[in-house]
Amino acid sequence: MKHIIALLLENEPGALSRVVALFSARGYNIESLTVAPTEDASLSRMTIVTTGSDDVIEQITKHLNRLIEVVKVVDLTEGSFIERELMLVKVRAVGKEREEIKRTADIFRGHIVDVTDKSYTVELTGDSGKLDAFLQALDRGAILETVRTGASGIGRGERILRV
């Protein structure tokens, strides 16, 4: 099962590499990883998407909590949460394909952010399912390049990841 783990960690050199090393040493896979400073300049927020049984995720959480730099760990999938990802897709857009790609982008609430004679670059945000559906809606031969940020997540309502 897919899990989104959010953690606060000290914003210092080497903290990210220790978290990644923990996953690597135990044979756990990271599907996506995002890290950015928080409103507190001394802390960063890391969002890790991984898969595993509840027992595996419990072990990952315990190991993360043992790292000195880690301040707090939360499995967002244990409650209600919002997940978003950003994707940029460069697609071939020539002739009658141009209107079809624009229509598809509009259906998925995407934005065309770059236009050339032969291509469009579409910006799309949403959960990973929405982004995957957009790619499936396109002709595979039309996709020239894809870039995805990985998931970011936040708890719904009053649920806050704070020290």
N, C-alpha and C. Protein backbone atom coordinates (compact mmCIF):
# COMPACT_ATOMS: atom_id res chain seq x y z
N MET A 1 0.84 -1.19 0.00
CA MET A 1 0.00 0.00 0.00
C MET A 1 0.88 1.25 0.00
N LYS A 2 0.46 2.27 -0.72
CA LYS A 2 1.20 3.53 -0.81
C LYS A 2 1.00 4.34 0.47
N HIS A 3 2.10 4.87 0.99
CA HIS A 3 2.06 5.72 2.18
C HIS A 3 2.79 7.02 1.89
N ILE A 4 2.26 8.11 2.44
CA ILE A 4 2.92 9.41 2.35
C ILE A 4 3.35 9.76 3.76
N ILE A 5 4.67 9.81 3.96
CA ILE A 5 5.24 10.09 5.28
C ILE A 5 5.80 11.51 5.26
N ALA A 6 5.33 12.33 6.18
CA ALA A 6 5.82 13.70 6.32
C ALA A 6 6.67 13.77 7.57
N LEU A 7 7.80 14.45 7.46
CA LEU A 7 8.62 14.62 8.65
C LEU A 7 9.25 16.00 8.69
N LEU A 8 9.45 16.45 9.90
CA LEU A 8 10.20 17.68 10.15
C LEU A 8 11.59 17.26 10.57
N LEU A 9 12.59 17.90 9.98
CA LEU A 9 13.95 17.61 10.39
C LEU A 9 14.76 18.88 10.41
N GLU A 10 15.85 18.84 11.16
CA GLU A 10 16.71 20.01 11.26
C GLU A 10 17.27 20.35 9.89
N ASN A 11 17.26 21.63 9.58
CA ASN A 11 17.73 22.12 8.29
C ASN A 11 19.25 22.29 8.35
N GLU A 12 19.96 21.16 8.17
CA GLU A 12 21.42 21.18 8.25
C GLU A 12 22.01 20.22 7.23
N PRO A 13 23.27 20.45 6.84
CA PRO A 13 23.90 19.58 5.85
C PRO A 13 23.96 18.12 6.34
N GLY A 14 23.65 17.19 5.44
CA GLY A 14 23.74 15.77 5.74
C GLY A 14 22.46 15.14 6.25
N ALA A 15 21.47 15.94 6.65
CA ALA A 15 20.24 15.37 7.20
C ALA A 15 19.50 14.56 6.14
N LEU A 16 19.39 15.08 4.94
CA LEU A 16 18.71 14.36 3.86
C LEU A 16 19.42 13.05 3.55
N SER A 17 20.73 13.09 3.48
CA SER A 17 21.48 11.87 3.12
C SER A 17 21.32 10.79 4.20
N ARG A 18 21.19 11.16 5.46
CA ARG A 18 20.99 10.16 6.51
C ARG A 18 19.61 9.49 6.41
N VAL A 19 18.61 10.26 6.03
CA VAL A 19 17.27 9.69 5.85
C VAL A 19 17.29 8.73 4.66
N VAL A 20 17.88 9.15 3.56
CA VAL A 20 17.95 8.30 2.36
C VAL A 20 18.78 7.04 2.65
N ALA A 21 19.86 7.18 3.38
CA ALA A 21 20.70 6.04 3.74
C ALA A 21 19.93 5.03 4.59
N LEU A 22 19.07 5.52 5.47
CA LEU A 22 18.25 4.64 6.30
C LEU A 22 17.36 3.76 5.40
N PHE A 23 16.72 4.36 4.41
CA PHE A 23 15.87 3.60 3.49
C PHE A 23 16.70 2.60 2.70
N SER A 24 17.82 3.05 2.20
CA SER A 24 18.68 2.20 1.38
C SER A 24 19.22 1.01 2.16
N ALA A 25 19.68 1.25 3.37
CA ALA A 25 20.29 0.19 4.19
C ALA A 25 19.30 -0.92 4.53
N ARG A 26 18.02 -0.57 4.61
CA ARG A 26 17.02 -1.56 4.97
C ARG A 26 16.23 -2.10 3.78
N GLY A 27 16.63 -1.67 2.58
CA GLY A 27 16.00 -2.17 1.36
C GLY A 27 14.60 -1.62 1.10
N TYR A 28 14.29 -0.45 1.66
CA TYR A 28 13.00 0.19 1.42
C TYR A 28 13.14 1.11 0.21
N ASN A 29 12.10 1.17 -0.62
CA ASN A 29 12.13 2.00 -1.81
C ASN A 29 11.46 3.34 -1.54
N ILE A 30 12.03 4.40 -2.07
CA ILE A 30 11.43 5.73 -2.04
C ILE A 30 10.89 6.00 -3.44
N GLU A 31 9.57 6.16 -3.55
CA GLU A 31 8.97 6.45 -4.86
C GLU A 31 9.14 7.90 -5.23
N SER A 32 8.98 8.79 -4.25
CA SER A 32 9.26 10.21 -4.49
C SER A 32 9.67 10.85 -3.18
N LEU A 33 10.39 11.96 -3.31
CA LEU A 33 10.95 12.64 -2.15
C LEU A 33 10.97 14.13 -2.44
N THR A 34 10.38 14.92 -1.57
CA THR A 34 10.45 16.37 -1.69
C THR A 34 10.90 16.94 -0.36
N VAL A 35 11.73 17.97 -0.43
CA VAL A 35 12.24 18.62 0.77
C VAL A 35 12.26 20.12 0.53
N ALA A 36 11.83 20.88 1.53
CA ALA A 36 11.87 22.34 1.44
C ALA A 36 11.88 22.92 2.85
N PRO A 37 12.42 24.14 2.99
CA PRO A 37 12.39 24.80 4.30
C PRO A 37 10.94 25.07 4.71
N THR A 38 10.72 25.17 6.02
CA THR A 38 9.39 25.49 6.55
C THR A 38 9.35 26.95 6.95
N GLU A 39 8.26 27.33 7.62
CA GLU A 39 8.14 28.70 8.13
C GLU A 39 9.19 28.98 9.21
N ASP A 40 9.75 27.92 9.81
CA ASP A 40 10.84 28.02 10.78
C ASP A 40 12.13 27.71 10.02
N ALA A 41 13.02 28.68 9.88
CA ALA A 41 14.23 28.53 9.07
C ALA A 41 15.15 27.41 9.56
N SER A 42 14.99 26.97 10.80
CA SER A 42 15.85 25.91 11.33
C SER A 42 15.34 24.51 10.98
N LEU A 43 14.13 24.43 10.39
CA LEU A 43 13.53 23.13 10.08
C LEU A 43 13.20 23.01 8.59
N SER A 44 13.28 21.80 8.08
CA SER A 44 12.81 21.47 6.73
C SER A 44 11.69 20.46 6.86
N ARG A 45 10.83 20.45 5.88
CA ARG A 45 9.77 19.45 5.81
C ARG A 45 10.09 18.52 4.65
N MET A 46 10.09 17.24 4.94
CA MET A 46 10.36 16.23 3.94
C MET A 46 9.10 15.40 3.75
N THR A 47 8.74 15.15 2.51
CA THR A 47 7.61 14.29 2.19
C THR A 47 8.15 13.12 1.40
N ILE A 48 7.92 11.91 1.91
CA ILE A 48 8.41 10.69 1.29
C ILE A 48 7.21 9.84 0.90
N VAL A 49 7.18 9.40 -0.35
CA VAL A 49 6.16 8.45 -0.79
C VAL A 49 6.85 7.09 -0.91
N THR A 50 6.30 6.11 -0.23
CA THR A 50 6.86 4.76 -0.25
C THR A 50 5.71 3.76 -0.20
N THR A 51 6.03 2.51 -0.42
CA THR A 51 5.02 1.46 -0.33
C THR A 51 5.46 0.41 0.67
N GLY A 52 4.49 -0.24 1.26
CA GLY A 52 4.80 -1.31 2.21
C GLY A 52 3.59 -1.64 3.06
N SER A 53 3.69 -2.76 3.72
CA SER A 53 2.62 -3.17 4.64
C SER A 53 2.63 -2.24 5.86
N ASP A 54 1.61 -2.35 6.67
CA ASP A 54 1.55 -1.53 7.88
C ASP A 54 2.74 -1.80 8.79
N ASP A 55 3.18 -3.06 8.85
CA ASP A 55 4.35 -3.41 9.68
C ASP A 55 5.62 -2.75 9.16
N VAL A 56 5.80 -2.74 7.85
CA VAL A 56 6.98 -2.11 7.25
C VAL A 56 6.97 -0.61 7.51
N ILE A 57 5.82 0.03 7.32
CA ILE A 57 5.72 1.47 7.55
C ILE A 57 5.96 1.79 9.02
N GLU A 58 5.49 0.95 9.92
CA GLU A 58 5.75 1.14 11.35
C GLU A 58 7.25 1.08 11.63
N GLN A 59 7.94 0.12 11.01
CA GLN A 59 9.39 0.02 11.18
C GLN A 59 10.10 1.25 10.62
N ILE A 60 9.69 1.70 9.44
CA ILE A 60 10.29 2.90 8.84
C ILE A 60 10.11 4.08 9.79
N THR A 61 8.92 4.26 10.32
CA THR A 61 8.63 5.37 11.23
C THR A 61 9.50 5.29 12.48
N LYS A 62 9.64 4.11 13.04
CA LYS A 62 10.48 3.94 14.23
C LYS A 62 11.93 4.28 13.93
N HIS A 63 12.44 3.80 12.79
CA HIS A 63 13.84 4.09 12.42
C HIS A 63 14.04 5.59 12.17
N LEU A 64 13.08 6.23 11.52
CA LEU A 64 13.19 7.68 11.28
C LEU A 64 13.22 8.45 12.58
N ASN A 65 12.38 8.06 13.54
CA ASN A 65 12.33 8.75 14.83
C ASN A 65 13.64 8.63 15.60
N ARG A 66 14.44 7.62 15.31
CA ARG A 66 15.73 7.44 16.00
C ARG A 66 16.82 8.36 15.47
N LEU A 67 16.64 8.89 14.26
CA LEU A 67 17.65 9.80 13.71
C LEU A 67 17.65 11.11 14.49
N ILE A 68 18.83 11.58 14.84
CA ILE A 68 18.97 12.77 15.67
C ILE A 68 18.34 14.00 15.02
N GLU A 69 18.51 14.14 13.70
CA GLU A 69 18.01 15.33 13.00
C GLU A 69 16.49 15.35 12.85
N VAL A 70 15.84 14.22 12.97
CA VAL A 70 14.39 14.14 12.77
C VAL A 70 13.66 14.61 14.03
N VAL A 71 12.79 15.59 13.85
CA VAL A 71 12.06 16.18 14.96
C VAL A 71 10.69 15.51 15.13
N LYS A 72 10.00 15.22 14.02
CA LYS A 72 8.67 14.62 14.08
C LYS A 72 8.39 13.86 12.80
N VAL A 73 7.68 12.72 12.92
CA VAL A 73 7.32 11.88 11.78
C VAL A 73 5.82 11.60 11.85
N VAL A 74 5.13 11.76 10.70
CA VAL A 74 3.70 11.47 10.62
C VAL A 74 3.42 10.74 9.32
N ASP A 75 2.67 9.64 9.40
CA ASP A 75 2.18 8.96 8.20
C ASP A 75 0.86 9.62 7.85
N LEU A 76 0.85 10.47 6.83
CA LEU A 76 -0.35 11.22 6.47
C LEU A 76 -1.49 10.31 6.05
N THR A 77 -1.17 9.14 5.53
CA THR A 77 -2.22 8.24 5.05
C THR A 77 -3.01 7.60 6.20
N GLU A 78 -2.61 7.84 7.44
CA GLU A 78 -3.38 7.33 8.58
C GLU A 78 -4.63 8.16 8.85
N GLY A 79 -4.74 9.31 8.22
CA GLY A 79 -5.91 10.17 8.41
C GLY A 79 -6.27 10.85 7.11
N SER A 80 -7.08 11.87 7.20
CA SER A 80 -7.51 12.62 6.04
C SER A 80 -6.40 13.60 5.64
N PHE A 81 -6.07 13.63 4.35
CA PHE A 81 -4.98 14.49 3.89
C PHE A 81 -5.22 14.95 2.46
N ILE A 82 -4.45 15.96 2.07
CA ILE A 82 -4.48 16.48 0.70
C ILE A 82 -3.12 16.19 0.09
N GLU A 83 -3.12 15.64 -1.12
CA GLU A 83 -1.88 15.33 -1.83
C GLU A 83 -1.90 16.07 -3.16
N ARG A 84 -0.78 16.68 -3.51
CA ARG A 84 -0.65 17.35 -4.80
C ARG A 84 0.75 17.09 -5.35
N GLU A 85 0.80 17.10 -6.67
CA GLU A 85 2.05 16.90 -7.39
C GLU A 85 2.01 17.84 -8.59
N LEU A 86 3.15 18.32 -9.02
CA LEU A 86 3.26 19.16 -10.20
C LEU A 86 3.90 18.35 -11.31
N MET A 87 3.37 18.49 -12.53
CA MET A 87 3.94 17.80 -13.68
C MET A 87 4.01 18.78 -14.85
N LEU A 88 5.13 18.74 -15.55
CA LEU A 88 5.28 19.46 -16.81
C LEU A 88 5.43 18.40 -17.89
N VAL A 89 4.64 18.52 -18.97
CA VAL A 89 4.69 17.55 -20.06
C VAL A 89 4.88 18.31 -21.36
N LYS A 90 5.93 17.97 -22.08
CA LYS A 90 6.14 18.54 -23.41
C LYS A 90 5.57 17.54 -24.41
N VAL A 91 4.64 18.01 -25.24
CA VAL A 91 3.98 17.12 -26.20
C VAL A 91 4.13 17.67 -27.62
N ARG A 92 4.18 16.73 -28.56
CA ARG A 92 4.20 17.12 -29.97
C ARG A 92 2.83 17.68 -30.30
N ALA A 93 2.80 18.86 -30.91
CA ALA A 93 1.53 19.51 -31.25
C ALA A 93 1.66 20.13 -32.63
N VAL A 94 1.25 19.37 -33.63
CA VAL A 94 1.34 19.81 -35.01
C VAL A 94 -0.02 19.62 -35.66
N GLY A 95 -0.44 20.60 -36.45
CA GLY A 95 -1.68 20.47 -37.20
C GLY A 95 -2.90 20.30 -36.31
N LYS A 96 -3.74 19.29 -36.63
CA LYS A 96 -4.99 19.08 -35.89
C LYS A 96 -4.75 18.58 -34.48
N GLU A 97 -3.53 18.08 -34.16
CA GLU A 97 -3.20 17.64 -32.79
C GLU A 97 -3.25 18.80 -31.81
N ARG A 98 -2.96 20.00 -32.27
CA ARG A 98 -2.88 21.17 -31.39
C ARG A 98 -4.20 21.39 -30.64
N GLU A 99 -5.29 21.37 -31.36
CA GLU A 99 -6.59 21.62 -30.74
C GLU A 99 -6.97 20.48 -29.80
N GLU A 100 -6.66 19.26 -30.18
CA GLU A 100 -6.99 18.10 -29.33
C GLU A 100 -6.20 18.15 -28.02
N ILE A 101 -4.93 18.51 -28.08
CA ILE A 101 -4.11 18.60 -26.87
C ILE A 101 -4.61 19.74 -25.98
N LYS A 102 -4.97 20.86 -26.59
CA LYS A 102 -5.50 21.97 -25.80
C LYS A 102 -6.80 21.57 -25.11
N ARG A 103 -7.65 20.86 -25.80
CA ARG A 103 -8.92 20.40 -25.23
C ARG A 103 -8.66 19.42 -24.06
N THR A 104 -7.73 18.50 -24.26
CA THR A 104 -7.40 17.54 -23.19
C THR A 104 -6.82 18.26 -21.98
N ALA A 105 -5.93 19.23 -22.22
CA ALA A 105 -5.36 20.01 -21.11
C ALA A 105 -6.46 20.74 -20.35
N ASP A 106 -7.41 21.31 -21.07
CA ASP A 106 -8.52 22.03 -20.42
C ASP A 106 -9.37 21.08 -19.57
N ILE A 107 -9.65 19.88 -20.09
CA ILE A 107 -10.45 18.90 -19.34
C ILE A 107 -9.80 18.58 -17.99
N PHE A 108 -8.45 18.48 -17.99
CA PHE A 108 -7.71 18.14 -16.77
C PHE A 108 -7.29 19.38 -15.98
N ARG A 109 -7.79 20.55 -16.39
CA ARG A 109 -7.45 21.84 -15.77
C ARG A 109 -5.96 22.12 -15.80
N GLY A 110 -5.35 21.74 -16.90
CA GLY A 110 -3.93 22.03 -17.11
C GLY A 110 -3.77 23.37 -17.80
N HIS A 111 -2.54 23.88 -17.78
CA HIS A 111 -2.23 25.16 -18.42
C HIS A 111 -1.10 24.95 -19.42
N ILE A 112 -1.28 25.49 -20.60
CA ILE A 112 -0.20 25.45 -21.59
C ILE A 112 0.72 26.62 -21.25
N VAL A 113 1.97 26.29 -20.88
CA VAL A 113 2.90 27.32 -20.40
C VAL A 113 3.99 27.65 -21.42
N ASP A 114 4.08 26.87 -22.50
CA ASP A 114 5.04 27.16 -23.56
C ASP A 114 4.49 26.64 -24.87
N VAL A 115 4.63 27.44 -25.91
CA VAL A 115 4.12 27.08 -27.23
C VAL A 115 5.21 27.31 -28.26
N THR A 116 5.43 26.30 -29.11
CA THR A 116 6.30 26.45 -30.28
C THR A 116 5.51 25.98 -31.49
N ASP A 117 6.11 26.03 -32.66
CA ASP A 117 5.44 25.57 -33.88
C ASP A 117 5.14 24.08 -33.82
N LYS A 118 5.95 23.32 -33.06
CA LYS A 118 5.82 21.87 -33.06
C LYS A 118 5.47 21.25 -31.71
N SER A 119 5.37 22.07 -30.65
CA SER A 119 5.09 21.47 -29.34
C SER A 119 4.37 22.43 -28.41
N TYR A 120 3.73 21.82 -27.40
CA TYR A 120 3.16 22.52 -26.25
C TYR A 120 3.83 21.95 -25.02
N THR A 121 4.00 22.80 -24.00
CA THR A 121 4.37 22.31 -22.68
C THR A 121 3.18 22.60 -21.77
N VAL A 122 2.67 21.52 -21.15
CA VAL A 122 1.48 21.61 -20.30
C VAL A 122 1.90 21.46 -18.85
N GLU A 123 1.38 22.36 -18.01
CA GLU A 123 1.59 22.30 -16.56
C GLU A 123 0.30 21.76 -15.94
N LEU A 124 0.47 20.77 -15.05
CA LEU A 124 -0.69 20.13 -14.43
C LEU A 124 -0.39 19.89 -12.96
N THR A 125 -1.36 20.16 -12.09
CA THR A 125 -1.22 19.81 -10.68
C THR A 125 -2.41 18.96 -10.26
N GLY A 126 -2.16 18.09 -9.31
CA GLY A 126 -3.22 17.23 -8.79
C GLY A 126 -2.60 16.04 -8.10
N ASP A 127 -3.44 15.08 -7.71
CA ASP A 127 -2.89 13.87 -7.12
C ASP A 127 -2.29 13.01 -8.23
N SER A 128 -1.52 12.02 -7.84
CA SER A 128 -0.80 11.22 -8.84
C SER A 128 -1.74 10.50 -9.80
N GLY A 129 -2.93 10.13 -9.34
CA GLY A 129 -3.91 9.48 -10.20
C GLY A 129 -4.37 10.38 -11.33
N LYS A 130 -4.58 11.65 -11.03
CA LYS A 130 -4.99 12.61 -12.05
C LYS A 130 -3.89 12.78 -13.09
N LEU A 131 -2.66 12.91 -12.64
CA LEU A 131 -1.54 13.11 -13.57
C LEU A 131 -1.35 11.88 -14.45
N ASP A 132 -1.46 10.70 -13.84
CA ASP A 132 -1.36 9.46 -14.62
C ASP A 132 -2.47 9.38 -15.67
N ALA A 133 -3.69 9.78 -15.29
CA ALA A 133 -4.83 9.75 -16.22
C ALA A 133 -4.60 10.70 -17.39
N PHE A 134 -4.02 11.86 -17.13
CA PHE A 134 -3.72 12.80 -18.21
C PHE A 134 -2.74 12.18 -19.21
N LEU A 135 -1.70 11.55 -18.69
CA LEU A 135 -0.71 10.91 -19.58
C LEU A 135 -1.36 9.80 -20.41
N GLN A 136 -2.28 9.04 -19.80
CA GLN A 136 -2.96 7.97 -20.53
C GLN A 136 -3.90 8.52 -21.60
N ALA A 137 -4.44 9.73 -21.36
CA ALA A 137 -5.36 10.33 -22.33
C ALA A 137 -4.63 10.83 -23.58
N LEU A 138 -3.33 11.05 -23.44
CA LEU A 138 -2.54 11.50 -24.59
C LEU A 138 -2.09 10.32 -25.43
N ASP A 139 -1.87 10.59 -26.70
CA ASP A 139 -1.27 9.58 -27.58
C ASP A 139 0.18 9.41 -27.13
N ARG A 140 0.58 8.17 -26.81
CA ARG A 140 1.94 7.90 -26.30
C ARG A 140 3.03 8.48 -27.20
N GLY A 141 2.80 8.47 -28.48
CA GLY A 141 3.80 9.01 -29.41
C GLY A 141 3.91 10.52 -29.35
N ALA A 142 2.91 11.18 -28.75
CA ALA A 142 2.92 12.64 -28.68
C ALA A 142 3.77 13.15 -27.51
N ILE A 143 4.01 12.31 -26.51
CA ILE A 143 4.75 12.75 -25.32
C ILE A 143 6.23 12.80 -25.63
N LEU A 144 6.81 13.98 -25.53
CA LEU A 144 8.24 14.17 -25.81
C LEU A 144 9.08 14.11 -24.54
N GLU A 145 8.54 14.67 -23.46
CA GLU A 145 9.29 14.74 -22.20
C GLU A 145 8.32 14.97 -21.05
N THR A 146 8.62 14.35 -19.91
CA THR A 146 7.78 14.50 -18.72
C THR A 146 8.66 14.76 -17.51
N VAL A 147 8.25 15.71 -16.68
CA VAL A 147 8.94 16.01 -15.43
C VAL A 147 7.89 16.09 -14.33
N ARG A 148 8.13 15.35 -13.22
CA ARG A 148 7.20 15.36 -12.09
C ARG A 148 7.96 15.68 -10.80
N THR A 149 7.29 16.42 -9.92
CA THR A 149 7.94 16.84 -8.68
C THR A 149 7.91 15.77 -7.59
N GLY A 150 6.97 14.87 -7.65
CA GLY A 150 6.72 13.98 -6.52
C GLY A 150 5.67 14.62 -5.64
N ALA A 151 5.08 13.83 -4.79
CA ALA A 151 3.94 14.28 -3.99
C ALA A 151 4.36 15.19 -2.84
N SER A 152 3.52 16.14 -2.55
CA SER A 152 3.56 16.92 -1.32
C SER A 152 2.21 16.68 -0.66
N GLY A 153 2.21 16.61 0.66
CA GLY A 153 0.96 16.34 1.34
C GLY A 153 0.83 17.13 2.62
N ILE A 154 -0.42 17.35 3.01
CA ILE A 154 -0.72 18.07 4.24
C ILE A 154 -2.02 17.50 4.81
N GLY A 155 -2.08 17.41 6.13
CA GLY A 155 -3.28 16.91 6.78
C GLY A 155 -4.45 17.87 6.59
N ARG A 156 -5.66 17.33 6.52
CA ARG A 156 -6.85 18.16 6.39
C ARG A 156 -7.27 18.73 7.74
N GLY A 157 -7.96 19.85 7.69
CA GLY A 157 -8.55 20.44 8.89
C GLY A 157 -7.52 20.87 9.91
N GLU A 158 -7.74 20.50 11.15
CA GLU A 158 -6.91 20.91 12.27
C GLU A 158 -5.63 20.09 12.41
N ARG A 159 -5.45 19.08 11.58
CA ARG A 159 -4.27 18.20 11.66
C ARG A 159 -3.04 18.95 11.18
N ILE A 160 -2.09 19.19 12.10
CA ILE A 160 -0.91 20.00 11.80
C ILE A 160 0.36 19.24 12.19
N LEU A 161 1.36 19.29 11.32
CA LEU A 161 2.67 18.71 11.62
C LEU A 161 3.51 19.85 12.20
N ARG A 162 3.66 19.82 13.52
CA ARG A 162 4.35 20.89 14.21
C ARG A 162 5.13 20.30 15.37
N VAL A 163 6.19 20.99 15.76
CA VAL A 163 7.03 20.52 16.87
C VAL A 163 6.27 20.64 18.17
